[in-house]
Amino acid sequence: MVETSAATVDRDFAVVIDDDDKIRQFLEATLTRLGMKVATFRTAGEALAATDRGRPGVIFLDVALLQSDAIDVLRGLGKRRYGGVVQLMSGGRPALLDAVKRIGVRHGIRLATPLHKPLARETIAQAIEGLRDQVDPVASAEASAPPPASERSSA
């Protein structure tokens, strides 16, 4: 199990994980205009390493990553006891989105209503206001604390 410190999440910090440069740039510009600090990543590994250094309140996650896997992100966030909200995004099949959502729930991840591509600025603005309301920094700090020794699995 990956242990994290009991740090609160930052409601105004968003991470975008998408392998499409144009989508990443669009989301970064839109979220920045909405007053968010934004970090963008192409792969699961890069993004998970960043969540170890900072605690984003919101993670925008493309379901169909080409070079890595959205499921890897959800598993990694579960291991880190991530306390923010994940906003899934998809331009693909609803069945894939449903499967990824179920995996996220199994790993204890709070998920927002998925967004369907193509994305519109107005949709992102509405989503971010709702997501900010869902992020509770105190509860997130408790969620990010390592589990008691009795609950840790031995490696």
C-alpha atoms as a PDB file:
ATOM      1  CA  MET A   1       0.000   0.000   0.000  1.00  0.00           C
ATOM      2  CA  VAL A   2       1.248   3.476  -0.868  1.00  0.00           C
ATOM      3  CA  GLU A   3       1.168   5.696   2.179  1.00  0.00           C
ATOM      4  CA  THR A   4       0.430   9.384   1.937  1.00  0.00           C
ATOM      5  CA  SER A   5       0.601  12.184   4.430  1.00  0.00           C
ATOM      6  CA  ALA A   6      -2.611  13.566   5.867  1.00  0.00           C
ATOM      7  CA  ALA A   7      -2.614  16.622   3.605  1.00  0.00           C
ATOM      8  CA  THR A   8      -5.794  18.371   2.605  1.00  0.00           C
ATOM      9  CA  VAL A   9      -6.771  18.587  -1.029  1.00  0.00           C
ATOM     10  CA  ASP A  10      -6.781  21.921  -2.813  1.00  0.00           C
ATOM     11  CA  ARG A  11     -10.273  22.725  -4.155  1.00  0.00           C
ATOM     12  CA  ASP A  12      -8.694  25.119  -6.654  1.00  0.00           C
ATOM     13  CA  PHE A  13      -6.123  22.689  -8.057  1.00  0.00           C
ATOM     14  CA  ALA A  14      -7.084  20.478 -10.998  1.00  0.00           C
ATOM     15  CA  VAL A  15      -5.155  17.751 -12.776  1.00  0.00           C
ATOM     16  CA  VAL A  16      -5.966  16.852 -16.379  1.00  0.00           C
ATOM     17  CA  ILE A  17      -4.960  13.432 -17.705  1.00  0.00           C
ATOM     18  CA  ASP A  18      -5.548  13.040 -21.424  1.00  0.00           C
ATOM     19  CA  ASP A  19      -3.288  11.847 -24.227  1.00  0.00           C
ATOM     20  CA  ASP A  20      -4.833  14.313 -26.713  1.00  0.00           C
ATOM     21  CA  ASP A  21      -2.796  17.533 -26.756  1.00  0.00           C
ATOM     22  CA  LYS A  22      -5.736  19.659 -27.920  1.00  0.00           C
ATOM     23  CA  ILE A  23      -8.028  18.395 -25.140  1.00  0.00           C
ATOM     24  CA  ARG A  24      -5.342  19.003 -22.498  1.00  0.00           C
ATOM     25  CA  GLN A  25      -4.732  22.523 -23.794  1.00  0.00           C
ATOM     26  CA  PHE A  26      -8.462  23.280 -23.999  1.00  0.00           C
ATOM     27  CA  LEU A  27      -9.098  22.071 -20.442  1.00  0.00           C
ATOM     28  CA  GLU A  28      -6.045  23.868 -19.083  1.00  0.00           C
ATOM     29  CA  ALA A  29      -7.133  27.182 -20.658  1.00  0.00           C
ATOM     30  CA  THR A  30     -10.759  26.753 -19.570  1.00  0.00           C
ATOM     31  CA  LEU A  31      -9.927  25.761 -15.996  1.00  0.00           C
ATOM     32  CA  THR A  32      -7.356  28.546 -15.670  1.00  0.00           C
ATOM     33  CA  ARG A  33     -10.020  31.081 -16.728  1.00  0.00           C
ATOM     34  CA  LEU A  34     -12.211  29.649 -13.966  1.00  0.00           C
ATOM     35  CA  GLY A  35      -9.516  30.449 -11.397  1.00  0.00           C
ATOM     36  CA  MET A  36      -8.038  26.965 -11.087  1.00  0.00           C
ATOM     37  CA  LYS A  37      -4.382  25.997 -10.846  1.00  0.00           C
ATOM     38  CA  VAL A  38      -3.879  23.270 -13.440  1.00  0.00           C
ATOM     39  CA  ALA A  39      -1.349  20.534 -14.122  1.00  0.00           C
ATOM     40  CA  THR A  40      -1.689  18.419 -17.264  1.00  0.00           C
ATOM     41  CA  PHE A  41      -0.334  14.958 -18.044  1.00  0.00           C
ATOM     42  CA  ARG A  42      -0.349  12.503 -20.942  1.00  0.00           C
ATOM     43  CA  THR A  43       0.061   9.289 -18.935  1.00  0.00           C
ATOM     44  CA  ALA A  44      -1.101   7.629 -15.748  1.00  0.00           C
ATOM     45  CA  GLY A  45       2.405   7.349 -14.317  1.00  0.00           C
ATOM     46  CA  GLU A  46       3.174  11.050 -14.685  1.00  0.00           C
ATOM     47  CA  ALA A  47      -0.147  12.019 -13.130  1.00  0.00           C
ATOM     48  CA  LEU A  48       0.116   9.658 -10.173  1.00  0.00           C
ATOM     49  CA  ALA A  49       3.605  10.922  -9.382  1.00  0.00           C
ATOM     50  CA  ALA A  50       2.186  14.459  -9.356  1.00  0.00           C
ATOM     51  CA  THR A  51      -0.594  13.506  -6.920  1.00  0.00           C
ATOM     52  CA  ASP A  52       2.124  12.362  -4.527  1.00  0.00           C
ATOM     53  CA  ARG A  53       3.531  15.909  -4.543  1.00  0.00           C
ATOM     54  CA  GLY A  54       0.269  17.880  -4.612  1.00  0.00           C
ATOM     55  CA  ARG A  55      -3.306  17.086  -3.681  1.00  0.00           C
ATOM     56  CA  PRO A  56      -5.652  18.185  -6.483  1.00  0.00           C
ATOM     57  CA  GLY A  57      -9.290  18.618  -5.540  1.00  0.00           C
ATOM     58  CA  VAL A  58     -10.374  17.531  -9.008  1.00  0.00           C
ATOM     59  CA  ILE A  59      -8.873  15.146 -11.555  1.00  0.00           C
ATOM     60  CA  PHE A  60     -10.174  15.187 -15.135  1.00  0.00           C
ATOM     61  CA  LEU A  61      -9.451  11.699 -16.472  1.00  0.00           C
ATOM     62  CA  ASP A  62      -9.841  10.512 -20.054  1.00  0.00           C
ATOM     63  CA  VAL A  63     -11.204   6.976 -20.024  1.00  0.00           C
ATOM     64  CA  ALA A  64      -9.489   5.932 -23.273  1.00  0.00           C
ATOM     65  CA  LEU A  65      -5.824   6.763 -22.696  1.00  0.00           C
ATOM     66  CA  LEU A  66      -3.634   5.286 -25.431  1.00  0.00           C
ATOM     67  CA  GLN A  67      -0.222   5.028 -23.771  1.00  0.00           C
ATOM     68  CA  SER A  68      -1.481   4.163 -20.300  1.00  0.00           C
ATOM     69  CA  ASP A  69      -4.685   3.150 -18.651  1.00  0.00           C
ATOM     70  CA  ALA A  70      -7.374   5.125 -16.821  1.00  0.00           C
ATOM     71  CA  ILE A  71      -7.880   2.063 -14.649  1.00  0.00           C
ATOM     72  CA  ASP A  72      -4.236   2.346 -13.541  1.00  0.00           C
ATOM     73  CA  VAL A  73      -4.988   5.909 -12.425  1.00  0.00           C
ATOM     74  CA  LEU A  74      -8.057   4.841 -10.440  1.00  0.00           C
ATOM     75  CA  ARG A  75      -6.187   1.965  -8.788  1.00  0.00           C
ATOM     76  CA  GLY A  76      -3.287   4.254  -7.938  1.00  0.00           C
ATOM     77  CA  LEU A  77      -5.613   6.882  -6.498  1.00  0.00           C
ATOM     78  CA  GLY A  78      -7.331   4.216  -4.420  1.00  0.00           C
ATOM     79  CA  LYS A  79      -3.981   3.082  -3.003  1.00  0.00           C
ATOM     80  CA  ARG A  80      -3.178   6.700  -2.190  1.00  0.00           C
ATOM     81  CA  ARG A  81      -6.583   7.137  -0.539  1.00  0.00           C
ATOM     82  CA  TYR A  82      -7.275  10.107  -2.783  1.00  0.00           C
ATOM     83  CA  GLY A  83      -9.874  12.393  -1.209  1.00  0.00           C
ATOM     84  CA  GLY A  84     -10.836  14.594  -4.141  1.00  0.00           C
ATOM     85  CA  VAL A  85     -13.238  13.979  -7.002  1.00  0.00           C
ATOM     86  CA  VAL A  86     -12.505  12.315 -10.346  1.00  0.00           C
ATOM     87  CA  GLN A  87     -14.258  13.663 -13.428  1.00  0.00           C
ATOM     88  CA  LEU A  88     -14.257  10.943 -16.076  1.00  0.00           C
ATOM     89  CA  MET A  89     -14.334  12.033 -19.724  1.00  0.00           C
ATOM     90  CA  SER A  90     -15.076   9.900 -22.740  1.00  0.00           C
ATOM     91  CA  GLY A  91     -15.742  10.191 -26.424  1.00  0.00           C
ATOM     92  CA  GLY A  92     -16.263   6.464 -26.708  1.00  0.00           C
ATOM     93  CA  ARG A  93     -18.686   3.749 -25.875  1.00  0.00           C
ATOM     94  CA  PRO A  94     -20.950   4.063 -22.805  1.00  0.00           C
ATOM     95  CA  ALA A  95     -20.191   0.438 -21.841  1.00  0.00           C
ATOM     96  CA  LEU A  96     -16.491   1.264 -21.414  1.00  0.00           C
ATOM     97  CA  LEU A  97     -17.334   4.318 -19.331  1.00  0.00           C
ATOM     98  CA  ASP A  98     -19.646   2.257 -17.102  1.00  0.00           C
ATOM     99  CA  ALA A  99     -16.962  -0.379 -16.568  1.00  0.00           C
ATOM    100  CA  VAL A 100     -14.372   2.243 -15.613  1.00  0.00           C
ATOM    101  CA  LYS A 101     -16.864   3.901 -13.227  1.00  0.00           C
ATOM    102  CA  ARG A 102     -17.489   0.578 -11.455  1.00  0.00           C
ATOM    103  CA  ILE A 103     -13.746   0.057 -11.011  1.00  0.00           C
ATOM    104  CA  GLY A 104     -13.369   3.560  -9.574  1.00  0.00           C
ATOM    105  CA  VAL A 105     -16.161   2.951  -7.066  1.00  0.00           C
ATOM    106  CA  ARG A 106     -14.581  -0.381  -6.065  1.00  0.00           C
ATOM    107  CA  HIS A 107     -11.373   1.489  -5.273  1.00  0.00           C
ATOM    108  CA  GLY A 108     -13.152   4.047  -3.100  1.00  0.00           C
ATOM    109  CA  ILE A 109     -12.909   6.931  -5.572  1.00  0.00           C
ATOM    110  CA  ARG A 110     -15.535   9.683  -5.581  1.00  0.00           C
ATOM    111  CA  LEU A 111     -16.684  10.123  -9.177  1.00  0.00           C
ATOM    112  CA  ALA A 112     -18.608  12.982 -10.755  1.00  0.00           C
ATOM    113  CA  THR A 113     -21.165  12.477 -13.510  1.00  0.00           C
ATOM    114  CA  PRO A 114     -19.044  11.672 -16.598  1.00  0.00           C
ATOM    115  CA  LEU A 115     -18.526  14.232 -19.342  1.00  0.00           C
ATOM    116  CA  HIS A 116     -18.890  13.227 -22.970  1.00  0.00           C
ATOM    117  CA  LYS A 117     -16.552  14.553 -25.633  1.00  0.00           C
ATOM    118  CA  PRO A 118     -16.534  16.860 -27.462  1.00  0.00           C
ATOM    119  CA  LEU A 119     -16.398  19.191 -24.471  1.00  0.00           C
ATOM    120  CA  ALA A 120     -17.826  22.706 -24.321  1.00  0.00           C
ATOM    121  CA  ARG A 121     -16.557  25.553 -22.119  1.00  0.00           C
ATOM    122  CA  GLU A 122     -19.999  25.963 -20.550  1.00  0.00           C
ATOM    123  CA  THR A 123     -20.100  22.268 -19.647  1.00  0.00           C
ATOM    124  CA  ILE A 124     -16.682  22.488 -17.989  1.00  0.00           C
ATOM    125  CA  ALA A 125     -17.698  25.627 -16.068  1.00  0.00           C
ATOM    126  CA  GLN A 126     -20.837  23.910 -14.755  1.00  0.00           C
ATOM    127  CA  ALA A 127     -18.924  20.767 -13.887  1.00  0.00           C
ATOM    128  CA  ILE A 128     -16.162  22.582 -12.015  1.00  0.00           C
ATOM    129  CA  GLU A 129     -18.624  24.526  -9.859  1.00  0.00           C
ATOM    130  CA  GLY A 130     -20.337  21.279  -8.902  1.00  0.00           C
ATOM    131  CA  LEU A 131     -17.025  19.530  -8.278  1.00  0.00           C
ATOM    132  CA  ARG A 132     -15.695  22.301  -6.053  1.00  0.00           C
ATOM    133  CA  ASP A 133     -18.820  21.918  -3.932  1.00  0.00           C
ATOM    134  CA  GLN A 134     -18.158  18.171  -3.577  1.00  0.00           C
ATOM    135  CA  VAL A 135     -14.578  18.592  -2.350  1.00  0.00           C
ATOM    136  CA  ASP A 136     -14.382  18.669   1.428  1.00  0.00           C
ATOM    137  CA  PRO A 137     -10.784  19.402   2.457  1.00  0.00           C
ATOM    138  CA  VAL A 138     -11.287  18.043   5.985  1.00  0.00           C
ATOM    139  CA  ALA A 139     -12.812  14.753   4.843  1.00  0.00           C
ATOM    140  CA  SER A 140     -10.150  14.579   2.160  1.00  0.00           C
ATOM    141  CA  ALA A 141      -7.406  14.888   4.765  1.00  0.00           C
ATOM    142  CA  GLU A 142      -8.912  11.995   6.687  1.00  0.00           C
ATOM    143  CA  ALA A 143      -9.174   9.956   3.486  1.00  0.00           C
ATOM    144  CA  SER A 144      -5.545  10.654   2.584  1.00  0.00           C
ATOM    145  CA  ALA A 145      -4.235   9.491   5.945  1.00  0.00           C
ATOM    146  CA  PRO A 146      -2.638   6.050   5.930  1.00  0.00           C
ATOM    147  CA  PRO A 147      -4.867   3.267   7.215  1.00  0.00           C
ATOM    148  CA  PRO A 148      -4.311   1.995  10.734  1.00  0.00           C
ATOM    149  CA  ALA A 149      -1.548  -0.601  11.033  1.00  0.00           C
ATOM    150  CA  SER A 150      -4.173  -3.314  11.539  1.00  0.00           C
ATOM    151  CA  GLU A 151      -5.621  -2.570   8.051  1.00  0.00           C
ATOM    152  CA  ARG A 152      -2.328  -2.423   6.128  1.00  0.00           C
ATOM    153  CA  SER A 153      -1.463  -5.383   3.979  1.00  0.00           C
ATOM    154  CA  SER A 154       1.999  -6.781   4.286  1.00  0.00           C
ATOM    155  CA  ALA A 155       4.183  -6.596   1.204  1.00  0.00           C
END
